[in-house]
Amino acid sequence: MRKLTPLLLLLVFAVVPSRLVVATPYTENFTLYIHFGETPVGTVEFQFEQQAGQLTVHSKLSILESKGDEVVYERTERRREIWQDGKVLAFTNDIVENGTASQVTAIRIGSRVAITGPNGTAFAPANSVPATFWSIDTVNRFSVYDVQTGDVLLAETIRMPAASQRIRGQNVKMQQFLVTGDLTRNLFYTPDNQWAGMRYLGRDARLVNYLLQ
């Protein structure tokens, strides 16, 4: 796990990169469909609640991969994020992967966030966010945390040329970003900042593809 040392924390706090986007995140309920290669295997669903100046984001990820009648991989995640003033106050993720349960939690404490997962507890700057990617503002962050392990990840994001994606029968020009560093992702957002897709290579070197349809 990437544990931020006092020196790394100082660098992270001191170096504030220019913002790639200045935009209001999309907060209407939506679903993305997950594919391993060309095979559809699941969904991730997002629901949003706003109350008393706080935004609560509930998301559920469900993956089921089969070969014939045999289930070869299964994972569910039930997540909750509580946001206020552009920062995450608290995060929980209850995970069941192939029958084994685990949990990742995060809570903001002053100028830091404490993240606890299967690998222990780590600390990151208070503006760190979970790597759920629904908010386009994620591309402005240089510290995120893995929602399955709680590991702190340092990331650098660049804007890529716009890409066309077919959504609801229409070709839509997408905002595209490339995330590098401790994780590599291609992220796609609609012109009104709805998360529309993600591509990366999974642990078994297969392409994992999230798509808004």
Protein backbone atom coordinates (compact mmCIF):
# COMPACT_ATOMS: atom_id res chain seq x y z
CA MET A 1 0.00 0.00 0.00
CA ARG A 2 1.20 3.53 -0.72
CA LYS A 3 1.59 5.03 2.76
CA LEU A 4 2.29 8.73 2.56
CA THR A 5 5.39 9.59 4.58
CA PRO A 6 5.67 13.03 6.22
CA LEU A 7 7.80 14.18 3.25
CA LEU A 8 5.30 12.87 0.70
CA LEU A 9 2.45 14.46 2.63
CA LEU A 10 4.30 17.78 2.62
CA LEU A 11 4.81 17.55 -1.16
CA VAL A 12 1.19 16.59 -1.76
CA PHE A 13 -0.07 19.49 0.34
CA ALA A 14 2.36 21.98 -1.19
CA VAL A 15 1.99 21.11 -4.88
CA VAL A 16 -1.43 22.08 -6.20
CA PRO A 17 -1.72 21.33 -9.93
CA SER A 18 -3.82 23.49 -12.22
CA ARG A 19 -7.39 22.31 -12.57
CA LEU A 20 -8.18 20.40 -15.75
CA VAL A 21 -11.87 21.23 -15.48
CA VAL A 22 -13.99 23.69 -13.57
CA ALA A 23 -17.39 22.07 -13.74
CA THR A 24 -20.35 20.99 -11.65
CA PRO A 25 -20.48 17.19 -11.24
CA TYR A 26 -23.50 15.36 -12.66
CA THR A 27 -25.78 14.21 -9.82
CA GLU A 28 -28.71 12.45 -11.49
CA ASN A 29 -29.14 8.69 -10.96
CA PHE A 30 -27.48 6.55 -13.65
CA THR A 31 -26.06 3.09 -14.43
CA LEU A 32 -22.90 1.99 -16.23
CA TYR A 33 -22.54 -1.47 -17.78
CA ILE A 34 -19.34 -3.46 -17.21
CA HIS A 35 -17.64 -5.69 -19.78
CA PHE A 36 -14.64 -8.01 -19.52
CA GLY A 37 -13.36 -7.85 -23.06
CA GLU A 38 -16.50 -8.12 -25.17
CA THR A 39 -18.48 -10.02 -22.51
CA PRO A 40 -21.05 -8.15 -20.38
CA VAL A 41 -20.55 -9.11 -16.73
CA GLY A 42 -22.31 -6.54 -14.56
CA THR A 43 -23.30 -3.00 -13.65
CA VAL A 44 -22.50 -0.15 -11.32
CA GLU A 45 -25.48 1.95 -10.26
CA PHE A 46 -25.38 5.44 -8.72
CA GLN A 47 -28.05 7.21 -6.67
CA PHE A 48 -27.73 10.72 -5.23
CA GLU A 49 -29.35 12.43 -2.23
CA GLN A 50 -28.87 16.08 -1.28
CA GLN A 51 -29.84 17.28 2.18
CA ALA A 52 -28.66 20.01 4.57
CA GLY A 53 -25.73 21.01 2.37
CA GLN A 54 -24.42 17.47 2.03
CA LEU A 55 -24.44 15.14 -0.95
CA THR A 56 -24.75 11.41 -0.24
CA VAL A 57 -23.81 9.08 -3.08
CA HIS A 58 -24.92 5.45 -2.94
CA SER A 59 -23.43 3.08 -5.49
CA LYS A 60 -23.75 -0.64 -6.02
CA LEU A 61 -21.36 -2.66 -8.17
CA SER A 62 -22.36 -6.16 -9.25
CA ILE A 63 -20.14 -8.47 -11.32
CA LEU A 64 -20.89 -12.08 -12.22
CA GLU A 65 -18.71 -13.93 -14.74
CA SER A 66 -19.68 -17.42 -15.85
CA LYS A 67 -18.37 -20.10 -18.15
CA GLY A 68 -21.31 -22.24 -19.09
CA ASP A 69 -23.10 -23.09 -15.85
CA GLU A 70 -20.00 -22.41 -13.71
CA VAL A 71 -19.51 -19.10 -11.90
CA VAL A 72 -15.82 -18.21 -12.21
CA TYR A 73 -15.87 -14.77 -10.58
CA GLU A 74 -18.35 -12.81 -8.50
CA ARG A 75 -18.06 -9.48 -6.71
CA THR A 76 -20.49 -7.05 -5.14
CA GLU A 77 -19.72 -3.68 -3.59
CA ARG A 78 -22.09 -1.42 -1.70
CA ARG A 79 -20.62 2.04 -1.25
CA ARG A 80 -21.63 5.27 0.42
CA GLU A 81 -19.90 8.64 0.04
CA ILE A 82 -20.81 11.77 2.01
CA TRP A 83 -19.62 15.01 0.38
CA GLN A 84 -19.66 18.61 1.56
CA ASP A 85 -18.02 21.64 -0.09
CA GLY A 86 -16.19 19.47 -2.60
CA LYS A 87 -14.61 17.17 0.01
CA VAL A 88 -15.50 13.66 1.15
CA LEU A 89 -16.41 13.58 4.84
CA ALA A 90 -16.88 9.81 5.02
CA PHE A 91 -16.80 6.75 2.80
CA THR A 92 -17.70 3.08 3.29
CA ASN A 93 -17.54 0.13 0.93
CA ASP A 94 -18.80 -3.31 1.89
CA ILE A 95 -17.30 -5.87 -0.48
CA VAL A 96 -18.00 -9.54 -1.10
CA GLU A 97 -15.58 -11.12 -3.58
CA ASN A 98 -15.99 -14.80 -4.39
CA GLY A 99 -17.65 -15.31 -1.00
CA THR A 100 -15.05 -13.39 1.04
CA ALA A 101 -16.21 -10.20 2.80
CA SER A 102 -14.08 -7.11 3.41
CA GLN A 103 -14.59 -3.42 4.04
CA VAL A 104 -12.93 -0.11 3.24
CA THR A 105 -13.76 3.00 5.26
CA ALA A 106 -12.52 6.58 5.19
CA ILE A 107 -13.18 9.54 7.44
CA ARG A 108 -11.97 13.10 7.27
CA ILE A 109 -10.03 14.22 10.34
CA GLY A 110 -8.95 17.86 10.15
CA SER A 111 -6.51 18.31 7.26
CA ARG A 112 -6.24 14.58 6.55
CA VAL A 113 -8.41 11.60 5.73
CA ALA A 114 -7.87 8.27 7.49
CA ILE A 115 -8.47 5.30 5.19
CA THR A 116 -8.79 1.78 6.61
CA GLY A 117 -8.89 -1.34 4.49
CA PRO A 118 -7.61 -4.91 4.36
CA ASN A 119 -4.00 -3.64 4.27
CA GLY A 120 -4.34 -1.46 7.39
CA THR A 121 -4.80 2.30 7.88
CA ALA A 122 -3.20 5.06 5.82
CA PHE A 123 -3.51 8.85 5.80
CA ALA A 124 -3.92 11.18 2.84
CA PRO A 125 -4.75 14.87 2.29
CA ALA A 126 -8.32 15.90 3.11
CA ASN A 127 -9.12 16.59 -0.55
CA SER A 128 -8.41 12.97 -1.50
CA VAL A 129 -11.39 11.13 -2.96
CA PRO A 130 -12.37 7.49 -3.49
CA ALA A 131 -11.67 6.13 -6.95
CA THR A 132 -15.33 5.83 -7.88
CA PHE A 133 -14.94 8.31 -10.78
CA TRP A 134 -18.60 9.41 -10.96
CA SER A 135 -17.53 13.03 -10.35
CA ILE A 136 -15.66 14.76 -13.15
CA ASP A 137 -13.84 16.70 -10.43
CA THR A 138 -11.89 13.48 -9.77
CA VAL A 139 -9.63 14.41 -12.69
CA ASN A 140 -8.46 17.45 -10.70
CA ARG A 141 -7.29 15.32 -7.76
CA PHE A 142 -3.75 14.05 -7.39
CA SER A 143 -4.51 11.77 -4.42
CA VAL A 144 -7.23 9.12 -4.58
CA TYR A 145 -7.78 5.88 -2.69
CA ASP A 146 -8.57 2.41 -3.95
CA VAL A 147 -12.15 1.48 -3.01
CA GLN A 148 -11.31 -2.24 -2.73
CA THR A 149 -8.08 -2.06 -0.69
CA GLY A 150 -7.94 1.42 0.85
CA ASP A 151 -4.49 1.96 -0.68
CA VAL A 152 -3.56 5.61 -1.27
CA LEU A 153 -2.80 6.25 -4.95
CA LEU A 154 -0.97 9.23 -6.41
CA ALA A 155 -2.33 10.12 -9.83
CA GLU A 156 -1.65 12.52 -12.67
CA THR A 157 -4.34 13.25 -15.22
CA ILE A 158 -4.13 14.79 -18.67
CA ARG A 159 -6.88 15.83 -21.05
CA MET A 160 -7.04 13.77 -24.22
CA PRO A 161 -8.72 14.59 -27.56
CA ALA A 162 -12.50 14.28 -27.48
CA ALA A 163 -13.86 10.83 -28.32
CA SER A 164 -17.17 9.79 -29.85
CA GLN A 165 -19.36 7.27 -28.00
CA ARG A 166 -22.82 5.98 -28.89
CA ILE A 167 -25.34 6.63 -26.09
CA ARG A 168 -29.06 6.00 -26.36
CA GLY A 169 -28.82 5.68 -30.13
CA GLN A 170 -26.84 8.89 -30.66
CA ASN A 171 -23.15 9.63 -31.19
CA VAL A 172 -21.97 11.92 -28.39
CA LYS A 173 -18.62 13.71 -28.27
CA MET A 174 -17.02 12.81 -24.95
CA GLN A 175 -14.56 14.60 -22.72
CA GLN A 176 -11.65 12.15 -22.39
CA PHE A 177 -8.94 12.00 -19.73
CA LEU A 178 -5.95 9.73 -19.17
CA VAL A 179 -5.03 8.94 -15.57
CA THR A 180 -1.46 7.74 -14.91
CA GLY A 181 0.68 7.18 -11.85
CA ASP A 182 -0.29 4.51 -9.33
CA LEU A 183 -3.26 3.61 -11.55
CA THR A 184 -3.96 3.86 -15.27
CA ARG A 185 -7.44 4.66 -16.55
CA ASN A 186 -9.10 6.20 -19.59
CA LEU A 187 -12.11 8.18 -18.34
CA PHE A 188 -14.98 9.56 -20.42
CA TYR A 189 -17.60 12.17 -19.49
CA THR A 190 -20.52 13.61 -21.46
CA PRO A 191 -20.65 17.35 -22.28
CA ASP A 192 -22.85 17.83 -19.18
CA ASN A 193 -20.24 16.02 -17.02
CA GLN A 194 -22.00 12.67 -16.57
CA TRP A 195 -19.55 9.79 -16.17
CA ALA A 196 -19.95 7.81 -19.39
CA GLY A 197 -17.17 5.27 -19.45
CA MET A 198 -13.83 3.90 -18.26
CA ARG A 199 -11.26 1.54 -19.79
CA TYR A 200 -8.27 -0.20 -18.23
CA LEU A 201 -6.42 -3.51 -18.19
CA GLY A 202 -7.56 -5.82 -15.38
CA ARG A 203 -5.39 -8.05 -13.23
CA ASP A 204 -5.56 -10.82 -15.84
CA ALA A 205 -4.57 -8.39 -18.65
CA ARG A 206 -8.08 -8.33 -20.08
CA LEU A 207 -9.69 -5.06 -21.06
CA VAL A 208 -12.25 -3.88 -18.51
CA ASN A 209 -14.78 -1.52 -20.03
CA TYR A 210 -17.47 0.54 -18.26
CA LEU A 211 -20.09 2.02 -20.60
CA LEU A 212 -23.08 4.30 -20.31
CA GLN A 213 -25.66 2.98 -22.78
